[in-house]
Amino acid sequence: MKTIYYVLAGKPFLFLLFAVNLLGTLYGYYWYTGQLVITAPQFLIFVPDSPTASLFFTIVILYYLFGKRSPLMEALAVVTLFKYGIWATVMNLLLLITTGELEPTGYMLMASHTAMAIQGLLYIPFYRFKLRHLIIAAVWTLHNDVIDYVFGQMPIYYSLMDYLPAIGYFTFWLSILSLGIAYLFVIKEKRLKLDIL
């Protein structure tokens, strides 16, 4: 286990992780292009959920590479990476179950989003944010749920629109779970702490 964390904290791996997440973030915003062009300006920032989550983590890694840290970015990253990593994987699985088929892009999204959730959790021992940072992340995350499911800005999956109330309910509790994980494994005193700097 120590070897894994030694690799995770090393500059070569951080450079690789930064590059992969930056490219994934750019592709993610491109993937949302079709929805963004029909989105009202006031909702634009809330629509591309997954790329914004990976953007938060990309910023965290960039800080680490320069020997610095941003507690707020760390809080936003761990919560949103786990939440949207799991969310997109479950939505694509649901798409496969309800339609009986899934395009190659869907399988790619499942793999990449599962990796998002895992990488967010792997770096938990390195995070050093406080309760105030987690509260801001909670406001962002839960407000995003309201925008998605009250104002109808969730990612468009046409085949799943019949399940929208259930998806909204699932998403809310996934947000709570993500915030709970961040609290239990970062805020609480008795937890694994490792230095990255």
C-alpha atoms as a PDB file:
ATOM      1  CA  MET A   1       0.000   0.000   0.000  1.00  0.00           C
ATOM      2  CA  LYS A   2       2.856   2.386   0.832  1.00  0.00           C
ATOM      3  CA  THR A   3       4.294   1.787  -2.634  1.00  0.00           C
ATOM      4  CA  ILE A   4       1.004   2.803  -4.255  1.00  0.00           C
ATOM      5  CA  TYR A   5       0.879   6.068  -2.324  1.00  0.00           C
ATOM      6  CA  TYR A   6       4.557   6.716  -3.013  1.00  0.00           C
ATOM      7  CA  VAL A   7       3.798   6.458  -6.755  1.00  0.00           C
ATOM      8  CA  LEU A   8       0.658   8.624  -6.439  1.00  0.00           C
ATOM      9  CA  ALA A   9       2.658  11.382  -4.737  1.00  0.00           C
ATOM     10  CA  GLY A  10       5.553  11.300  -7.202  1.00  0.00           C
ATOM     11  CA  LYS A  11       6.052  14.102  -9.719  1.00  0.00           C
ATOM     12  CA  PRO A  12       6.167  11.800 -12.795  1.00  0.00           C
ATOM     13  CA  PHE A  13       2.775  10.270 -11.951  1.00  0.00           C
ATOM     14  CA  LEU A  14       1.309  13.667 -11.075  1.00  0.00           C
ATOM     15  CA  PHE A  15       2.423  15.022 -14.480  1.00  0.00           C
ATOM     16  CA  LEU A  16       0.773  12.042 -16.192  1.00  0.00           C
ATOM     17  CA  LEU A  17      -2.389  12.443 -14.131  1.00  0.00           C
ATOM     18  CA  PHE A  18      -2.506  16.160 -14.890  1.00  0.00           C
ATOM     19  CA  ALA A  19      -2.206  15.533 -18.651  1.00  0.00           C
ATOM     20  CA  VAL A  20      -4.821  12.760 -18.684  1.00  0.00           C
ATOM     21  CA  ASN A  21      -7.308  14.793 -16.649  1.00  0.00           C
ATOM     22  CA  LEU A  22      -6.736  17.933 -18.707  1.00  0.00           C
ATOM     23  CA  LEU A  23      -7.394  16.048 -21.945  1.00  0.00           C
ATOM     24  CA  GLY A  24     -10.399  14.297 -20.396  1.00  0.00           C
ATOM     25  CA  THR A  25     -11.773  17.633 -19.203  1.00  0.00           C
ATOM     26  CA  LEU A  26     -11.425  19.200 -22.651  1.00  0.00           C
ATOM     27  CA  TYR A  27     -13.092  16.185 -24.282  1.00  0.00           C
ATOM     28  CA  GLY A  28     -15.853  16.318 -21.668  1.00  0.00           C
ATOM     29  CA  TYR A  29     -16.686  19.942 -22.457  1.00  0.00           C
ATOM     30  CA  TYR A  30     -16.660  19.039 -26.155  1.00  0.00           C
ATOM     31  CA  TRP A  31     -19.038  16.118 -25.444  1.00  0.00           C
ATOM     32  CA  TYR A  32     -21.515  18.592 -23.918  1.00  0.00           C
ATOM     33  CA  THR A  33     -21.396  20.957 -26.936  1.00  0.00           C
ATOM     34  CA  GLY A  34     -24.788  19.831 -28.259  1.00  0.00           C
ATOM     35  CA  GLN A  35     -26.493  20.541 -24.948  1.00  0.00           C
ATOM     36  CA  LEU A  36     -24.584  23.741 -24.226  1.00  0.00           C
ATOM     37  CA  VAL A  37     -25.728  25.411 -27.470  1.00  0.00           C
ATOM     38  CA  ILE A  38     -29.371  25.023 -26.394  1.00  0.00           C
ATOM     39  CA  THR A  39     -28.772  25.988 -22.741  1.00  0.00           C
ATOM     40  CA  ALA A  40     -29.799  29.364 -21.335  1.00  0.00           C
ATOM     41  CA  PRO A  41     -26.734  31.448 -20.347  1.00  0.00           C
ATOM     42  CA  GLN A  42     -27.529  31.434 -16.612  1.00  0.00           C
ATOM     43  CA  PHE A  43     -27.341  27.628 -16.554  1.00  0.00           C
ATOM     44  CA  LEU A  44     -24.195  27.123 -18.642  1.00  0.00           C
ATOM     45  CA  ILE A  45     -21.828  26.675 -15.705  1.00  0.00           C
ATOM     46  CA  PHE A  46     -24.044  23.954 -14.186  1.00  0.00           C
ATOM     47  CA  VAL A  47     -24.561  21.729 -17.239  1.00  0.00           C
ATOM     48  CA  PRO A  48     -21.174  20.048 -17.889  1.00  0.00           C
ATOM     49  CA  ASP A  49     -21.006  18.248 -14.528  1.00  0.00           C
ATOM     50  CA  SER A  50     -18.336  15.618 -15.148  1.00  0.00           C
ATOM     51  CA  PRO A  51     -15.838  17.835 -17.009  1.00  0.00           C
ATOM     52  CA  THR A  52     -16.153  20.437 -14.267  1.00  0.00           C
ATOM     53  CA  ALA A  53     -15.458  17.725 -11.675  1.00  0.00           C
ATOM     54  CA  SER A  54     -12.325  16.647 -13.548  1.00  0.00           C
ATOM     55  CA  LEU A  55     -11.380  20.323 -13.942  1.00  0.00           C
ATOM     56  CA  PHE A  56     -11.437  20.718 -10.154  1.00  0.00           C
ATOM     57  CA  PHE A  57      -9.109  17.714  -9.833  1.00  0.00           C
ATOM     58  CA  THR A  58      -6.854  18.965 -12.646  1.00  0.00           C
ATOM     59  CA  ILE A  59      -6.451  22.225 -10.710  1.00  0.00           C
ATOM     60  CA  VAL A  60      -5.651  20.258  -7.528  1.00  0.00           C
ATOM     61  CA  ILE A  61      -2.920  18.314  -9.350  1.00  0.00           C
ATOM     62  CA  LEU A  62      -1.539  21.533 -10.847  1.00  0.00           C
ATOM     63  CA  TYR A  63      -1.267  23.004  -7.347  1.00  0.00           C
ATOM     64  CA  TYR A  64       0.545  19.855  -6.161  1.00  0.00           C
ATOM     65  CA  LEU A  65       3.011  20.089  -9.042  1.00  0.00           C
ATOM     66  CA  PHE A  66       3.930  23.604  -7.898  1.00  0.00           C
ATOM     67  CA  GLY A  67       4.250  22.556  -4.253  1.00  0.00           C
ATOM     68  CA  LYS A  68       1.028  24.264  -3.217  1.00  0.00           C
ATOM     69  CA  ARG A  69      -2.505  23.255  -2.382  1.00  0.00           C
ATOM     70  CA  SER A  70      -6.057  24.592  -2.593  1.00  0.00           C
ATOM     71  CA  PRO A  71      -8.314  23.158   0.134  1.00  0.00           C
ATOM     72  CA  LEU A  72     -11.477  24.375  -1.616  1.00  0.00           C
ATOM     73  CA  MET A  73     -10.487  22.722  -4.905  1.00  0.00           C
ATOM     74  CA  GLU A  74      -9.652  19.523  -3.005  1.00  0.00           C
ATOM     75  CA  ALA A  75     -13.111  19.507  -1.396  1.00  0.00           C
ATOM     76  CA  LEU A  76     -14.877  20.203  -4.694  1.00  0.00           C
ATOM     77  CA  ALA A  77     -12.764  17.577  -6.455  1.00  0.00           C
ATOM     78  CA  VAL A  78     -13.307  14.669  -4.085  1.00  0.00           C
ATOM     79  CA  VAL A  79     -17.053  15.259  -3.801  1.00  0.00           C
ATOM     80  CA  THR A  80     -17.772  15.824  -7.485  1.00  0.00           C
ATOM     81  CA  LEU A  81     -15.361  13.206  -8.860  1.00  0.00           C
ATOM     82  CA  PHE A  82     -17.000  10.487  -6.806  1.00  0.00           C
ATOM     83  CA  LYS A  83     -20.531  11.739  -7.393  1.00  0.00           C
ATOM     84  CA  TYR A  84     -20.375  12.217 -11.157  1.00  0.00           C
ATOM     85  CA  GLY A  85     -18.063   9.259 -11.676  1.00  0.00           C
ATOM     86  CA  ILE A  86     -20.650   6.950 -10.104  1.00  0.00           C
ATOM     87  CA  TRP A  87     -23.603   8.840 -11.620  1.00  0.00           C
ATOM     88  CA  ALA A  88     -22.455   8.556 -15.234  1.00  0.00           C
ATOM     89  CA  THR A  89     -21.519   4.893 -14.807  1.00  0.00           C
ATOM     90  CA  VAL A  90     -24.952   4.086 -13.358  1.00  0.00           C
ATOM     91  CA  MET A  91     -26.759   6.090 -16.072  1.00  0.00           C
ATOM     92  CA  ASN A  92     -24.957   4.222 -18.836  1.00  0.00           C
ATOM     93  CA  LEU A  93     -25.705   0.909 -17.137  1.00  0.00           C
ATOM     94  CA  LEU A  94     -29.352   1.938 -16.882  1.00  0.00           C
ATOM     95  CA  LEU A  95     -29.290   2.856 -20.570  1.00  0.00           C
ATOM     96  CA  LEU A  96     -27.922  -0.604 -21.384  1.00  0.00           C
ATOM     97  CA  ILE A  97     -30.569  -2.304 -19.236  1.00  0.00           C
ATOM     98  CA  THR A  98     -33.529  -0.308 -20.581  1.00  0.00           C
ATOM     99  CA  THR A  99     -32.593  -0.320 -24.272  1.00  0.00           C
ATOM    100  CA  GLY A 100     -30.617  -3.560 -24.482  1.00  0.00           C
ATOM    101  CA  GLU A 101     -27.706  -1.842 -26.199  1.00  0.00           C
ATOM    102  CA  LEU A 102     -24.967   0.680 -25.575  1.00  0.00           C
ATOM    103  CA  GLU A 103     -22.767   2.476 -28.076  1.00  0.00           C
ATOM    104  CA  PRO A 104     -18.971   2.151 -27.775  1.00  0.00           C
ATOM    105  CA  THR A 105     -18.945   5.716 -26.428  1.00  0.00           C
ATOM    106  CA  GLY A 106     -21.154   4.533 -23.566  1.00  0.00           C
ATOM    107  CA  TYR A 107     -18.654   1.873 -22.541  1.00  0.00           C
ATOM    108  CA  MET A 108     -15.844   4.429 -22.790  1.00  0.00           C
ATOM    109  CA  LEU A 109     -17.828   6.788 -20.564  1.00  0.00           C
ATOM    110  CA  MET A 110     -18.395   4.020 -18.014  1.00  0.00           C
ATOM    111  CA  ALA A 111     -14.668   3.218 -17.872  1.00  0.00           C
ATOM    112  CA  SER A 112     -13.531   6.847 -17.709  1.00  0.00           C
ATOM    113  CA  HIS A 113     -16.111   7.834 -15.097  1.00  0.00           C
ATOM    114  CA  THR A 114     -15.352   4.832 -12.914  1.00  0.00           C
ATOM    115  CA  ALA A 115     -11.705   5.935 -13.088  1.00  0.00           C
ATOM    116  CA  MET A 116     -12.810   9.451 -12.065  1.00  0.00           C
ATOM    117  CA  ALA A 117     -14.459   8.136  -8.912  1.00  0.00           C
ATOM    118  CA  ILE A 118     -11.478   5.919  -8.056  1.00  0.00           C
ATOM    119  CA  GLN A 119      -8.839   8.618  -8.515  1.00  0.00           C
ATOM    120  CA  GLY A 120     -10.789  11.009  -6.326  1.00  0.00           C
ATOM    121  CA  LEU A 121     -10.839   8.415  -3.540  1.00  0.00           C
ATOM    122  CA  LEU A 122      -7.190   7.392  -3.979  1.00  0.00           C
ATOM    123  CA  TYR A 123      -6.012  10.908  -3.163  1.00  0.00           C
ATOM    124  CA  ILE A 124      -8.129  11.243  -0.013  1.00  0.00           C
ATOM    125  CA  PRO A 125      -5.124  10.761   2.348  1.00  0.00           C
ATOM    126  CA  PHE A 126      -3.445  13.792   0.734  1.00  0.00           C
ATOM    127  CA  TYR A 127      -6.376  16.213   1.069  1.00  0.00           C
ATOM    128  CA  ARG A 128      -6.285  18.844   3.811  1.00  0.00           C
ATOM    129  CA  PHE A 129      -9.540  20.782   3.672  1.00  0.00           C
ATOM    130  CA  LYS A 130     -11.667  22.047   6.550  1.00  0.00           C
ATOM    131  CA  LEU A 131     -15.384  21.885   7.274  1.00  0.00           C
ATOM    132  CA  ARG A 132     -15.920  25.349   5.762  1.00  0.00           C
ATOM    133  CA  HIS A 133     -14.511  24.121   2.442  1.00  0.00           C
ATOM    134  CA  LEU A 134     -16.774  21.078   2.525  1.00  0.00           C
ATOM    135  CA  ILE A 135     -19.795  23.302   3.234  1.00  0.00           C
ATOM    136  CA  ILE A 136     -19.019  25.334   0.099  1.00  0.00           C
ATOM    137  CA  ALA A 137     -18.664  22.076  -1.868  1.00  0.00           C
ATOM    138  CA  ALA A 138     -22.019  20.946  -0.437  1.00  0.00           C
ATOM    139  CA  VAL A 139     -23.731  24.156  -1.524  1.00  0.00           C
ATOM    140  CA  TRP A 140     -22.257  23.811  -5.031  1.00  0.00           C
ATOM    141  CA  THR A 141     -23.217  20.134  -5.304  1.00  0.00           C
ATOM    142  CA  LEU A 142     -26.750  20.348  -3.942  1.00  0.00           C
ATOM    143  CA  HIS A 143     -27.446  23.584  -5.823  1.00  0.00           C
ATOM    144  CA  ASN A 144     -26.350  21.786  -8.985  1.00  0.00           C
ATOM    145  CA  ASP A 145     -28.908  19.053  -8.254  1.00  0.00           C
ATOM    146  CA  VAL A 146     -31.622  21.701  -8.015  1.00  0.00           C
ATOM    147  CA  ILE A 147     -30.537  23.228 -11.324  1.00  0.00           C
ATOM    148  CA  ASP A 148     -30.505  19.794 -12.973  1.00  0.00           C
ATOM    149  CA  TYR A 149     -33.795  18.397 -11.685  1.00  0.00           C
ATOM    150  CA  VAL A 150     -35.922  21.454 -10.869  1.00  0.00           C
ATOM    151  CA  PHE A 151     -34.839  23.562 -13.851  1.00  0.00           C
ATOM    152  CA  GLY A 152     -34.364  20.589 -16.186  1.00  0.00           C
ATOM    153  CA  GLN A 153     -30.663  20.963 -16.974  1.00  0.00           C
ATOM    154  CA  MET A 154     -29.491  17.384 -16.362  1.00  0.00           C
ATOM    155  CA  PRO A 155     -27.406  15.696 -19.079  1.00  0.00           C
ATOM    156  CA  ILE A 156     -29.673  14.620 -21.923  1.00  0.00           C
ATOM    157  CA  TYR A 157     -30.273  10.861 -22.080  1.00  0.00           C
ATOM    158  CA  TYR A 158     -33.426  10.663 -24.188  1.00  0.00           C
ATOM    159  CA  SER A 159     -34.150   7.010 -23.357  1.00  0.00           C
ATOM    160  CA  LEU A 160     -34.049   7.742 -19.622  1.00  0.00           C
ATOM    161  CA  MET A 161     -36.378  10.738 -19.496  1.00  0.00           C
ATOM    162  CA  ASP A 162     -39.257   8.533 -18.257  1.00  0.00           C
ATOM    163  CA  TYR A 163     -37.198   7.812 -15.140  1.00  0.00           C
ATOM    164  CA  LEU A 164     -36.360  11.431 -14.350  1.00  0.00           C
ATOM    165  CA  PRO A 165     -37.985  11.611 -10.868  1.00  0.00           C
ATOM    166  CA  ALA A 166     -36.190   8.419  -9.774  1.00  0.00           C
ATOM    167  CA  ILE A 167     -32.902   9.642 -11.261  1.00  0.00           C
ATOM    168  CA  GLY A 168     -33.260  12.958  -9.438  1.00  0.00           C
ATOM    169  CA  TYR A 169     -33.924  11.133  -6.161  1.00  0.00           C
ATOM    170  CA  PHE A 170     -30.920   8.851  -6.714  1.00  0.00           C
ATOM    171  CA  THR A 171     -28.721  11.847  -7.566  1.00  0.00           C
ATOM    172  CA  PHE A 172     -29.665  13.714  -4.396  1.00  0.00           C
ATOM    173  CA  TRP A 173     -28.698  10.762  -2.186  1.00  0.00           C
ATOM    174  CA  LEU A 174     -25.536  10.212  -4.218  1.00  0.00           C
ATOM    175  CA  SER A 175     -24.625  13.825  -3.398  1.00  0.00           C
ATOM    176  CA  ILE A 176     -25.218  13.147   0.306  1.00  0.00           C
ATOM    177  CA  LEU A 177     -23.094   9.986   0.128  1.00  0.00           C
ATOM    178  CA  SER A 178     -20.278  11.865  -1.622  1.00  0.00           C
ATOM    179  CA  LEU A 179     -20.319  14.603   1.011  1.00  0.00           C
ATOM    180  CA  GLY A 180     -20.403  11.973   3.764  1.00  0.00           C
ATOM    181  CA  ILE A 181     -17.343  10.227   2.343  1.00  0.00           C
ATOM    182  CA  ALA A 182     -15.468  13.540   2.196  1.00  0.00           C
ATOM    183  CA  TYR A 183     -16.406  14.302   5.808  1.00  0.00           C
ATOM    184  CA  LEU A 184     -15.549  10.860   7.194  1.00  0.00           C
ATOM    185  CA  PHE A 185     -12.235  10.435   5.402  1.00  0.00           C
ATOM    186  CA  VAL A 186     -10.897  14.003   5.410  1.00  0.00           C
ATOM    187  CA  ILE A 187     -12.507  16.106   8.168  1.00  0.00           C
ATOM    188  CA  LYS A 188     -12.570  13.536  10.987  1.00  0.00           C
ATOM    189  CA  GLU A 189      -9.420  13.436  13.090  1.00  0.00           C
ATOM    190  CA  LYS A 190      -8.766   9.686  13.049  1.00  0.00           C
ATOM    191  CA  ARG A 191      -7.945   9.055   9.413  1.00  0.00           C
ATOM    192  CA  LEU A 192      -4.992   8.222   7.195  1.00  0.00           C
ATOM    193  CA  LYS A 193      -2.922  11.325   6.442  1.00  0.00           C
ATOM    194  CA  LEU A 194      -0.115  11.381   3.889  1.00  0.00           C
ATOM    195  CA  ASP A 195       2.019  14.280   2.671  1.00  0.00           C
ATOM    196  CA  ILE A 196       2.241  15.072  -0.995  1.00  0.00           C
ATOM    197  CA  LEU A 197       4.324  18.214  -0.655  1.00  0.00           C
END
